[in-house]
Amino acid sequence: MESTSLLAEATTYICSIASGSNGNAYWIQCQDTAIMIDCGIGYREMVKRAKTVGVDLKLLSAIFISHEHSDHVRGLKVLANHHKHMHCYMTAGTAKGVREYYLPLDGSRVHLMPSDGVITVGPIEVTSFAKPHDVKEPVSYTVRTVDGITIGVYTDIGRPTDRLVEELGQCDAVFLESNYDKEMLQKGHYPLYLKNRITGGEGHISNKEAFELIENLPKPYKLQVLVLSHLSGENNKPQLVRELFEPFEEHMKVYTASRNGAGALIKLEKTI
């Protein structure tokens, strides 16, 4: 855990507070400002997890919602009620789908953003871009800080797109979906319609697809931190993911985000 004095430095930190179909929340901090991508766990659990890894929720200035599925928004209303200064950003399509979660907020704190746009929050710049997922207007986010660090939050991405590949190639760190092992999914108990939904190009990407995205990045790797995220509890195993991505540990730090707790608070520094 980093000390309070270290956290006051002009340095970028990231943390997976929650990751998986049981909840998602990704923390990005620069200087004394922080944002979060998605809020899919309850407030009490978020406070508990944040405390264990040294995340200071008082620094939270804004939250960006990627889409309306409950594992990405279920904690939004209570979080906003506890942090009266916090602003919330989402697309108009997402706002329609998440109405029950966001309407109770003060309207002046809810901002509709385009599916391809840029929002600046203090020393943090957030770029949205469309992704294929089975909801109204979903987006991924690429985050840039004044430290010169670029971070991607790419989960629920359906299938790799040219824009995703372009954005990923600019990242120093990324939360990248590695949702399922193909063989486990095929042999598992999910009904056929759900298996088709997951693999049909608007659901999730597999371990193999995530591996290929990293493998095909330009060399030498600009990416210094890879956080494999949104692992399925039914159709994946952290050990499978770690073994598959082990070859990249020579070039970058590789983490597997837990479904049941917060990951490490990771300090990022500009290298190239």
C-alpha atoms as a PDB file:
ATOM      1  CA  MET A   1       0.000   0.000   0.000  1.00  0.00           C
ATOM      2  CA  GLU A   2       1.337   3.454  -0.918  1.00  0.00           C
ATOM      3  CA  SER A   3       1.628   6.074   1.810  1.00  0.00           C
ATOM      4  CA  THR A   4      -0.481   9.249   1.835  1.00  0.00           C
ATOM      5  CA  SER A   5       2.587  11.339   1.003  1.00  0.00           C
ATOM      6  CA  LEU A   6       3.292   9.270  -2.110  1.00  0.00           C
ATOM      7  CA  LEU A   7      -0.313   9.568  -3.244  1.00  0.00           C
ATOM      8  CA  ALA A   8       0.027  13.368  -3.096  1.00  0.00           C
ATOM      9  CA  GLU A   9       2.708  13.328  -5.791  1.00  0.00           C
ATOM     10  CA  ALA A  10       1.875  14.211  -9.404  1.00  0.00           C
ATOM     11  CA  THR A  11       1.692  10.559 -10.315  1.00  0.00           C
ATOM     12  CA  THR A  12      -0.948   8.385 -11.952  1.00  0.00           C
ATOM     13  CA  TYR A  13      -2.453   5.418 -10.124  1.00  0.00           C
ATOM     14  CA  ILE A  14      -4.945   2.778 -11.258  1.00  0.00           C
ATOM     15  CA  CYS A  15      -6.904   0.108  -9.422  1.00  0.00           C
ATOM     16  CA  SER A  16      -9.507  -2.504 -10.219  1.00  0.00           C
ATOM     17  CA  ILE A  17     -11.982  -2.107  -7.353  1.00  0.00           C
ATOM     18  CA  ALA A  18     -14.377  -4.641  -8.883  1.00  0.00           C
ATOM     19  CA  SER A  19     -14.238  -6.713 -12.051  1.00  0.00           C
ATOM     20  CA  GLY A  20     -16.614  -9.355 -13.372  1.00  0.00           C
ATOM     21  CA  SER A  21     -20.291 -10.048 -13.952  1.00  0.00           C
ATOM     22  CA  ASN A  22     -20.862  -9.514 -10.217  1.00  0.00           C
ATOM     23  CA  GLY A  23     -19.675  -5.892 -10.478  1.00  0.00           C
ATOM     24  CA  ASN A  24     -17.221  -3.565 -12.211  1.00  0.00           C
ATOM     25  CA  ALA A  25     -15.463  -0.398 -11.041  1.00  0.00           C
ATOM     26  CA  TYR A  26     -12.082   0.866 -12.294  1.00  0.00           C
ATOM     27  CA  TRP A  27     -10.208   3.657 -10.497  1.00  0.00           C
ATOM     28  CA  ILE A  28      -7.863   6.147 -12.215  1.00  0.00           C
ATOM     29  CA  GLN A  29      -6.147   8.876 -10.215  1.00  0.00           C
ATOM     30  CA  CYS A  30      -3.807  11.711 -11.174  1.00  0.00           C
ATOM     31  CA  GLN A  31      -2.554  14.189  -8.589  1.00  0.00           C
ATOM     32  CA  ASP A  32      -5.497  14.923  -6.256  1.00  0.00           C
ATOM     33  CA  THR A  33      -8.204  14.079  -8.798  1.00  0.00           C
ATOM     34  CA  ALA A  34      -9.728  10.677  -9.497  1.00  0.00           C
ATOM     35  CA  ILE A  35     -12.339   9.272 -11.836  1.00  0.00           C
ATOM     36  CA  MET A  36     -13.999   5.896 -11.930  1.00  0.00           C
ATOM     37  CA  ILE A  37     -15.197   3.911 -14.911  1.00  0.00           C
ATOM     38  CA  ASP A  38     -18.466   2.186 -13.962  1.00  0.00           C
ATOM     39  CA  CYS A  39     -19.951   1.532 -10.531  1.00  0.00           C
ATOM     40  CA  GLY A  40     -21.344  -1.980 -10.326  1.00  0.00           C
ATOM     41  CA  ILE A  41     -20.981  -2.785  -6.615  1.00  0.00           C
ATOM     42  CA  GLY A  42     -22.706  -1.474  -3.494  1.00  0.00           C
ATOM     43  CA  TYR A  43     -21.312   1.503  -1.630  1.00  0.00           C
ATOM     44  CA  ARG A  44     -20.435  -0.320   1.592  1.00  0.00           C
ATOM     45  CA  GLU A  45     -18.477  -2.932  -0.307  1.00  0.00           C
ATOM     46  CA  MET A  46     -16.731  -0.232  -2.341  1.00  0.00           C
ATOM     47  CA  VAL A  47     -15.683   1.631   0.805  1.00  0.00           C
ATOM     48  CA  LYS A  48     -14.356  -1.592   2.333  1.00  0.00           C
ATOM     49  CA  ARG A  49     -12.379  -2.548  -0.766  1.00  0.00           C
ATOM     50  CA  ALA A  50     -11.027   0.972  -1.273  1.00  0.00           C
ATOM     51  CA  LYS A  51      -9.751   1.092   2.293  1.00  0.00           C
ATOM     52  CA  THR A  52      -7.894  -2.209   1.972  1.00  0.00           C
ATOM     53  CA  VAL A  53      -5.762  -0.971  -0.931  1.00  0.00           C
ATOM     54  CA  GLY A  54      -5.351   2.722  -0.075  1.00  0.00           C
ATOM     55  CA  VAL A  55      -7.854   4.236  -2.535  1.00  0.00           C
ATOM     56  CA  ASP A  56      -9.171   7.572  -1.218  1.00  0.00           C
ATOM     57  CA  LEU A  57     -12.774   7.894  -2.415  1.00  0.00           C
ATOM     58  CA  LYS A  58     -12.828  11.558  -1.333  1.00  0.00           C
ATOM     59  CA  LEU A  59     -10.742  12.312  -4.435  1.00  0.00           C
ATOM     60  CA  LEU A  60     -13.465  11.046  -6.765  1.00  0.00           C
ATOM     61  CA  SER A  61     -14.571  13.881  -9.083  1.00  0.00           C
ATOM     62  CA  ALA A  62     -16.416  12.020 -11.834  1.00  0.00           C
ATOM     63  CA  ILE A  63     -17.727   8.663 -12.881  1.00  0.00           C
ATOM     64  CA  PHE A  64     -18.057   7.500 -16.471  1.00  0.00           C
ATOM     65  CA  ILE A  65     -20.592   4.785 -17.289  1.00  0.00           C
ATOM     66  CA  SER A  66     -19.797   2.443 -20.183  1.00  0.00           C
ATOM     67  CA  HIS A  67     -23.285   0.937 -20.569  1.00  0.00           C
ATOM     68  CA  GLU A  68     -26.444   0.168 -18.621  1.00  0.00           C
ATOM     69  CA  HIS A  69     -25.998  -3.437 -17.530  1.00  0.00           C
ATOM     70  CA  SER A  70     -26.495  -3.706 -13.786  1.00  0.00           C
ATOM     71  CA  ASP A  71     -22.981  -4.998 -13.087  1.00  0.00           C
ATOM     72  CA  HIS A  72     -21.751  -1.602 -14.282  1.00  0.00           C
ATOM     73  CA  VAL A  73     -24.310   0.746 -12.693  1.00  0.00           C
ATOM     74  CA  ARG A  74     -26.035  -0.825  -9.697  1.00  0.00           C
ATOM     75  CA  GLY A  75     -24.051   1.213  -7.155  1.00  0.00           C
ATOM     76  CA  LEU A  76     -24.288   4.568  -8.931  1.00  0.00           C
ATOM     77  CA  LYS A  77     -27.167   6.204  -7.049  1.00  0.00           C
ATOM     78  CA  VAL A  78     -25.848   5.543  -3.552  1.00  0.00           C
ATOM     79  CA  LEU A  79     -22.292   6.483  -4.500  1.00  0.00           C
ATOM     80  CA  ALA A  80     -23.501   9.803  -5.929  1.00  0.00           C
ATOM     81  CA  ASN A  81     -25.547  10.521  -2.816  1.00  0.00           C
ATOM     82  CA  HIS A  82     -22.429  10.098  -0.672  1.00  0.00           C
ATOM     83  CA  HIS A  83     -20.241  12.232  -2.956  1.00  0.00           C
ATOM     84  CA  LYS A  84     -22.223  15.391  -3.654  1.00  0.00           C
ATOM     85  CA  HIS A  85     -19.430  16.970  -5.709  1.00  0.00           C
ATOM     86  CA  MET A  86     -19.168  14.013  -8.095  1.00  0.00           C
ATOM     87  CA  HIS A  87     -20.375  14.362 -11.704  1.00  0.00           C
ATOM     88  CA  CYS A  88     -21.596  11.510 -13.880  1.00  0.00           C
ATOM     89  CA  TYR A  89     -21.100  11.057 -17.640  1.00  0.00           C
ATOM     90  CA  MET A  90     -22.842   8.651 -20.007  1.00  0.00           C
ATOM     91  CA  THR A  91     -24.244   8.517 -23.531  1.00  0.00           C
ATOM     92  CA  ALA A  92     -27.894   9.338 -24.197  1.00  0.00           C
ATOM     93  CA  GLY A  93     -28.543   5.704 -25.090  1.00  0.00           C
ATOM     94  CA  THR A  94     -27.037   4.533 -21.831  1.00  0.00           C
ATOM     95  CA  ALA A  95     -29.039   7.142 -19.904  1.00  0.00           C
ATOM     96  CA  LYS A  96     -32.287   5.705 -21.275  1.00  0.00           C
ATOM     97  CA  GLY A  97     -31.309   2.217 -20.245  1.00  0.00           C
ATOM     98  CA  VAL A  98     -30.086   3.189 -16.785  1.00  0.00           C
ATOM     99  CA  ARG A  99     -32.882   5.613 -15.917  1.00  0.00           C
ATOM    100  CA  GLU A 100     -33.809   4.052 -12.593  1.00  0.00           C
ATOM    101  CA  TYR A 101     -30.217   4.421 -11.400  1.00  0.00           C
ATOM    102  CA  TYR A 102     -29.416   7.941 -12.546  1.00  0.00           C
ATOM    103  CA  LEU A 103     -32.676   9.942 -12.437  1.00  0.00           C
ATOM    104  CA  PRO A 104     -32.589  10.406  -8.633  1.00  0.00           C
ATOM    105  CA  LEU A 105     -29.341  12.344  -9.015  1.00  0.00           C
ATOM    106  CA  ASP A 106     -29.266  16.111  -9.181  1.00  0.00           C
ATOM    107  CA  GLY A 107     -29.754  16.833 -12.887  1.00  0.00           C
ATOM    108  CA  SER A 108     -26.902  19.330 -12.888  1.00  0.00           C
ATOM    109  CA  ARG A 109     -24.515  16.489 -12.050  1.00  0.00           C
ATOM    110  CA  VAL A 110     -25.558  14.191 -14.900  1.00  0.00           C
ATOM    111  CA  HIS A 111     -23.999  14.929 -18.291  1.00  0.00           C
ATOM    112  CA  LEU A 112     -24.808  13.278 -21.599  1.00  0.00           C
ATOM    113  CA  MET A 113     -21.728  12.719 -23.729  1.00  0.00           C
ATOM    114  CA  PRO A 114     -21.289  11.582 -27.331  1.00  0.00           C
ATOM    115  CA  SER A 115     -20.206   8.049 -28.158  1.00  0.00           C
ATOM    116  CA  ASP A 116     -17.098   9.601 -29.711  1.00  0.00           C
ATOM    117  CA  GLY A 117     -15.968  12.578 -27.663  1.00  0.00           C
ATOM    118  CA  VAL A 118     -13.556  13.990 -25.093  1.00  0.00           C
ATOM    119  CA  ILE A 119     -14.275  15.167 -21.526  1.00  0.00           C
ATOM    120  CA  THR A 120     -11.658  16.817 -19.299  1.00  0.00           C
ATOM    121  CA  VAL A 121     -11.750  16.449 -15.524  1.00  0.00           C
ATOM    122  CA  GLY A 122      -8.877  18.428 -14.000  1.00  0.00           C
ATOM    123  CA  PRO A 123      -5.611  16.709 -15.006  1.00  0.00           C
ATOM    124  CA  ILE A 124      -7.487  13.813 -16.636  1.00  0.00           C
ATOM    125  CA  GLU A 125      -8.810  13.624 -20.207  1.00  0.00           C
ATOM    126  CA  VAL A 126     -11.352  10.921 -21.066  1.00  0.00           C
ATOM    127  CA  THR A 127     -12.030   9.842 -24.658  1.00  0.00           C
ATOM    128  CA  SER A 128     -15.110   7.761 -25.435  1.00  0.00           C
ATOM    129  CA  PHE A 129     -15.567   5.567 -28.487  1.00  0.00           C
ATOM    130  CA  ALA A 130     -18.276   3.138 -29.557  1.00  0.00           C
ATOM    131  CA  LYS A 131     -17.972  -0.586 -28.919  1.00  0.00           C
ATOM    132  CA  PRO A 132     -20.062  -3.564 -30.083  1.00  0.00           C
ATOM    133  CA  HIS A 133     -22.155  -4.741 -27.145  1.00  0.00           C
ATOM    134  CA  ASP A 134     -25.804  -5.716 -26.904  1.00  0.00           C
ATOM    135  CA  VAL A 135     -27.148  -2.491 -25.401  1.00  0.00           C
ATOM    136  CA  LYS A 136     -28.280   0.904 -26.699  1.00  0.00           C
ATOM    137  CA  GLU A 137     -25.147   3.094 -26.954  1.00  0.00           C
ATOM    138  CA  PRO A 138     -22.161   1.465 -25.232  1.00  0.00           C
ATOM    139  CA  VAL A 139     -18.688   2.992 -25.160  1.00  0.00           C
ATOM    140  CA  SER A 140     -15.151   2.183 -24.148  1.00  0.00           C
ATOM    141  CA  TYR A 141     -12.884   4.780 -22.562  1.00  0.00           C
ATOM    142  CA  THR A 142      -9.285   5.800 -23.114  1.00  0.00           C
ATOM    143  CA  VAL A 143      -7.936   8.010 -20.334  1.00  0.00           C
ATOM    144  CA  ARG A 144      -4.951  10.347 -20.589  1.00  0.00           C
ATOM    145  CA  THR A 145      -3.331  12.182 -17.680  1.00  0.00           C
ATOM    146  CA  VAL A 146      -1.059  15.215 -17.476  1.00  0.00           C
ATOM    147  CA  ASP A 147       1.707  12.803 -16.462  1.00  0.00           C
ATOM    148  CA  GLY A 148       1.705  11.637 -20.091  1.00  0.00           C
ATOM    149  CA  ILE A 149       0.131   8.282 -19.209  1.00  0.00           C
ATOM    150  CA  THR A 150      -2.575   6.643 -21.358  1.00  0.00           C
ATOM    151  CA  ILE A 151      -4.906   4.067 -19.831  1.00  0.00           C
ATOM    152  CA  GLY A 152      -7.561   1.980 -21.587  1.00  0.00           C
ATOM    153  CA  VAL A 153     -10.667   0.516 -19.973  1.00  0.00           C
ATOM    154  CA  TYR A 154     -11.835  -2.069 -22.495  1.00  0.00           C
ATOM    155  CA  THR A 155     -14.343  -4.614 -21.196  1.00  0.00           C
ATOM    156  CA  ASP A 156     -17.653  -5.916 -22.591  1.00  0.00           C
ATOM    157  CA  ILE A 157     -16.218  -5.233 -26.030  1.00  0.00           C
ATOM    158  CA  GLY A 158     -18.008  -7.890 -28.076  1.00  0.00           C
ATOM    159  CA  ARG A 159     -15.287  -8.202 -30.674  1.00  0.00           C
ATOM    160  CA  PRO A 160     -12.054  -6.387 -31.544  1.00  0.00           C
ATOM    161  CA  THR A 161     -12.564  -3.374 -33.815  1.00  0.00           C
ATOM    162  CA  ASP A 162     -10.105  -1.233 -35.748  1.00  0.00           C
ATOM    163  CA  ARG A 163     -10.720   1.639 -33.308  1.00  0.00           C
ATOM    164  CA  LEU A 164     -10.053  -0.586 -30.325  1.00  0.00           C
ATOM    165  CA  VAL A 165      -6.785  -1.786 -31.834  1.00  0.00           C
ATOM    166  CA  GLU A 166      -5.772   1.812 -32.549  1.00  0.00           C
ATOM    167  CA  GLU A 167      -6.557   2.971 -29.007  1.00  0.00           C
ATOM    168  CA  LEU A 168      -4.916  -0.047 -27.392  1.00  0.00           C
ATOM    169  CA  GLY A 169      -1.713   0.662 -29.283  1.00  0.00           C
ATOM    170  CA  GLN A 170      -1.445   4.021 -27.501  1.00  0.00           C
ATOM    171  CA  CYS A 171      -1.870   2.649 -23.986  1.00  0.00           C
ATOM    172  CA  ASP A 172       0.716   2.492 -21.215  1.00  0.00           C
ATOM    173  CA  ALA A 173      -1.740   0.494 -19.110  1.00  0.00           C
ATOM    174  CA  VAL A 174      -5.009  -1.264 -19.873  1.00  0.00           C
ATOM    175  CA  PHE A 175      -7.887  -3.025 -18.179  1.00  0.00           C
ATOM    176  CA  LEU A 176      -8.602  -5.567 -20.918  1.00  0.00           C
ATOM    177  CA  GLU A 177     -11.438  -8.053 -20.940  1.00  0.00           C
ATOM    178  CA  SER A 178     -10.443 -11.730 -20.920  1.00  0.00           C
ATOM    179  CA  ASN A 179     -13.904 -13.083 -20.235  1.00  0.00           C
ATOM    180  CA  TYR A 180     -14.055 -16.763 -21.076  1.00  0.00           C
ATOM    181  CA  ASP A 181     -12.179 -19.888 -22.035  1.00  0.00           C
ATOM    182  CA  LYS A 182     -13.785 -21.186 -25.228  1.00  0.00           C
ATOM    183  CA  GLU A 183     -13.651 -24.852 -24.242  1.00  0.00           C
ATOM    184  CA  MET A 184     -15.106 -24.202 -20.777  1.00  0.00           C
ATOM    185  CA  LEU A 185     -17.942 -22.185 -22.294  1.00  0.00           C
ATOM    186  CA  GLN A 186     -18.746 -24.838 -24.901  1.00  0.00           C
ATOM    187  CA  LYS A 187     -18.800 -27.657 -22.325  1.00  0.00           C
ATOM    188  CA  GLY A 188     -20.491 -25.612 -19.607  1.00  0.00           C
ATOM    189  CA  HIS A 189     -24.098 -25.580 -18.440  1.00  0.00           C
ATOM    190  CA  TYR A 190     -25.121 -22.254 -20.015  1.00  0.00           C
ATOM    191  CA  PRO A 191     -28.100 -22.576 -22.390  1.00  0.00           C
ATOM    192  CA  LEU A 192     -27.307 -22.299 -26.088  1.00  0.00           C
ATOM    193  CA  TYR A 193     -28.865 -18.852 -26.486  1.00  0.00           C
ATOM    194  CA  LEU A 194     -26.572 -17.471 -23.756  1.00  0.00           C
ATOM    195  CA  LYS A 195     -23.483 -19.110 -25.228  1.00  0.00           C
ATOM    196  CA  ASN A 196     -24.388 -17.544 -28.572  1.00  0.00           C
ATOM    197  CA  ARG A 197     -24.941 -14.178 -26.932  1.00  0.00           C
ATOM    198  CA  ILE A 198     -21.484 -14.261 -25.315  1.00  0.00           C
ATOM    199  CA  THR A 199     -19.646 -15.320 -28.483  1.00  0.00           C
ATOM    200  CA  GLY A 200     -21.823 -13.585 -31.101  1.00  0.00           C
ATOM    201  CA  GLY A 201     -19.789 -10.410 -31.556  1.00  0.00           C
ATOM    202  CA  GLU A 202     -21.817  -8.197 -29.209  1.00  0.00           C
ATOM    203  CA  GLY A 203     -21.104  -9.987 -25.949  1.00  0.00           C
ATOM    204  CA  HIS A 204     -17.589 -10.612 -24.669  1.00  0.00           C
ATOM    205  CA  ILE A 205     -14.161 -11.614 -25.936  1.00  0.00           C
ATOM    206  CA  SER A 206     -12.346 -14.813 -25.018  1.00  0.00           C
ATOM    207  CA  ASN A 207      -8.944 -15.354 -23.456  1.00  0.00           C
ATOM    208  CA  LYS A 208      -7.583 -16.192 -26.910  1.00  0.00           C
ATOM    209  CA  GLU A 209      -8.966 -13.015 -28.487  1.00  0.00           C
ATOM    210  CA  ALA A 210      -7.497 -10.907 -25.679  1.00  0.00           C
ATOM    211  CA  PHE A 211      -4.142 -12.668 -26.076  1.00  0.00           C
ATOM    212  CA  GLU A 212      -4.106 -11.940 -29.809  1.00  0.00           C
ATOM    213  CA  LEU A 213      -4.845  -8.265 -29.209  1.00  0.00           C
ATOM    214  CA  ILE A 214      -1.737  -7.965 -27.033  1.00  0.00           C
ATOM    215  CA  GLU A 215       0.406 -10.229 -29.216  1.00  0.00           C
ATOM    216  CA  ASN A 216      -0.308  -8.071 -32.272  1.00  0.00           C
ATOM    217  CA  LEU A 217       0.675  -4.773 -30.646  1.00  0.00           C
ATOM    218  CA  PRO A 218       3.653  -3.019 -32.271  1.00  0.00           C
ATOM    219  CA  LYS A 219       7.050  -3.977 -30.870  1.00  0.00           C
ATOM    220  CA  PRO A 220       8.718  -2.940 -28.687  1.00  0.00           C
ATOM    221  CA  TYR A 221       5.698  -2.866 -26.417  1.00  0.00           C
ATOM    222  CA  LYS A 222       4.592   0.534 -25.207  1.00  0.00           C
ATOM    223  CA  LEU A 223       2.225  -1.219 -22.812  1.00  0.00           C
ATOM    224  CA  GLN A 224       3.745  -1.490 -19.335  1.00  0.00           C
ATOM    225  CA  VAL A 225       0.771  -2.728 -17.274  1.00  0.00           C
ATOM    226  CA  LEU A 226      -1.867  -5.246 -18.386  1.00  0.00           C
ATOM    227  CA  VAL A 227      -4.807  -5.917 -16.057  1.00  0.00           C
ATOM    228  CA  LEU A 228      -6.863  -8.831 -17.390  1.00  0.00           C
ATOM    229  CA  SER A 229     -10.432  -8.070 -16.431  1.00  0.00           C
ATOM    230  CA  HIS A 230     -14.079  -9.177 -16.361  1.00  0.00           C
ATOM    231  CA  LEU A 231     -13.232 -12.872 -16.024  1.00  0.00           C
ATOM    232  CA  SER A 232     -16.289 -15.123 -16.037  1.00  0.00           C
ATOM    233  CA  GLY A 233     -16.954 -16.962 -12.808  1.00  0.00           C
ATOM    234  CA  GLU A 234     -18.482 -19.888 -14.701  1.00  0.00           C
ATOM    235  CA  ASN A 235     -16.440 -20.135 -17.892  1.00  0.00           C
ATOM    236  CA  ASN A 236     -12.932 -19.114 -16.922  1.00  0.00           C
ATOM    237  CA  LYS A 237     -10.255 -19.637 -14.296  1.00  0.00           C
ATOM    238  CA  PRO A 238      -7.648 -17.085 -13.179  1.00  0.00           C
ATOM    239  CA  GLN A 239      -4.979 -19.797 -13.448  1.00  0.00           C
ATOM    240  CA  LEU A 240      -5.826 -20.385 -17.122  1.00  0.00           C
ATOM    241  CA  VAL A 241      -5.495 -16.676 -17.812  1.00  0.00           C
ATOM    242  CA  ARG A 242      -2.217 -16.342 -15.930  1.00  0.00           C
ATOM    243  CA  GLU A 243      -0.699 -19.294 -17.776  1.00  0.00           C
ATOM    244  CA  LEU A 244      -1.807 -18.012 -21.178  1.00  0.00           C
ATOM    245  CA  PHE A 245      -0.439 -14.512 -20.663  1.00  0.00           C
ATOM    246  CA  GLU A 246       2.759 -15.547 -18.884  1.00  0.00           C
ATOM    247  CA  PRO A 247       4.923 -14.935 -22.010  1.00  0.00           C
ATOM    248  CA  PHE A 248       4.127 -11.213 -21.818  1.00  0.00           C
ATOM    249  CA  GLU A 249       5.562 -10.897 -18.309  1.00  0.00           C
ATOM    250  CA  GLU A 250       8.978 -10.426 -19.898  1.00  0.00           C
ATOM    251  CA  HIS A 251       7.735  -7.173 -21.424  1.00  0.00           C
ATOM    252  CA  MET A 252       5.130  -5.803 -18.991  1.00  0.00           C
ATOM    253  CA  LYS A 253       3.531  -6.309 -15.591  1.00  0.00           C
ATOM    254  CA  VAL A 254       0.537  -8.632 -15.920  1.00  0.00           C
ATOM    255  CA  TYR A 255      -2.266  -8.749 -13.349  1.00  0.00           C
ATOM    256  CA  THR A 256      -5.512 -10.707 -13.177  1.00  0.00           C
ATOM    257  CA  ALA A 257      -8.372  -8.661 -11.720  1.00  0.00           C
ATOM    258  CA  SER A 258     -10.264 -10.443  -8.957  1.00  0.00           C
ATOM    259  CA  ARG A 259     -14.034 -10.904  -8.967  1.00  0.00           C
ATOM    260  CA  ASN A 260     -14.100 -10.816  -5.163  1.00  0.00           C
ATOM    261  CA  GLY A 261     -11.900  -7.936  -4.102  1.00  0.00           C
ATOM    262  CA  ALA A 262      -9.896  -4.918  -5.136  1.00  0.00           C
ATOM    263  CA  GLY A 263      -6.606  -5.315  -6.919  1.00  0.00           C
ATOM    264  CA  ALA A 264      -3.395  -3.511  -6.052  1.00  0.00           C
ATOM    265  CA  LEU A 265      -3.174   0.269  -6.335  1.00  0.00           C
ATOM    266  CA  ILE A 266      -0.700   0.430  -9.231  1.00  0.00           C
ATOM    267  CA  LYS A 267       1.618   3.393  -9.693  1.00  0.00           C
ATOM    268  CA  LEU A 268       2.272   4.316 -13.326  1.00  0.00           C
ATOM    269  CA  GLU A 269       5.251   6.274 -14.570  1.00  0.00           C
ATOM    270  CA  LYS A 270       6.095   7.395 -18.070  1.00  0.00           C
ATOM    271  CA  THR A 271       8.782   5.189 -19.582  1.00  0.00           C
ATOM    272  CA  ILE A 272       8.890   5.982 -23.334  1.00  0.00           C
END
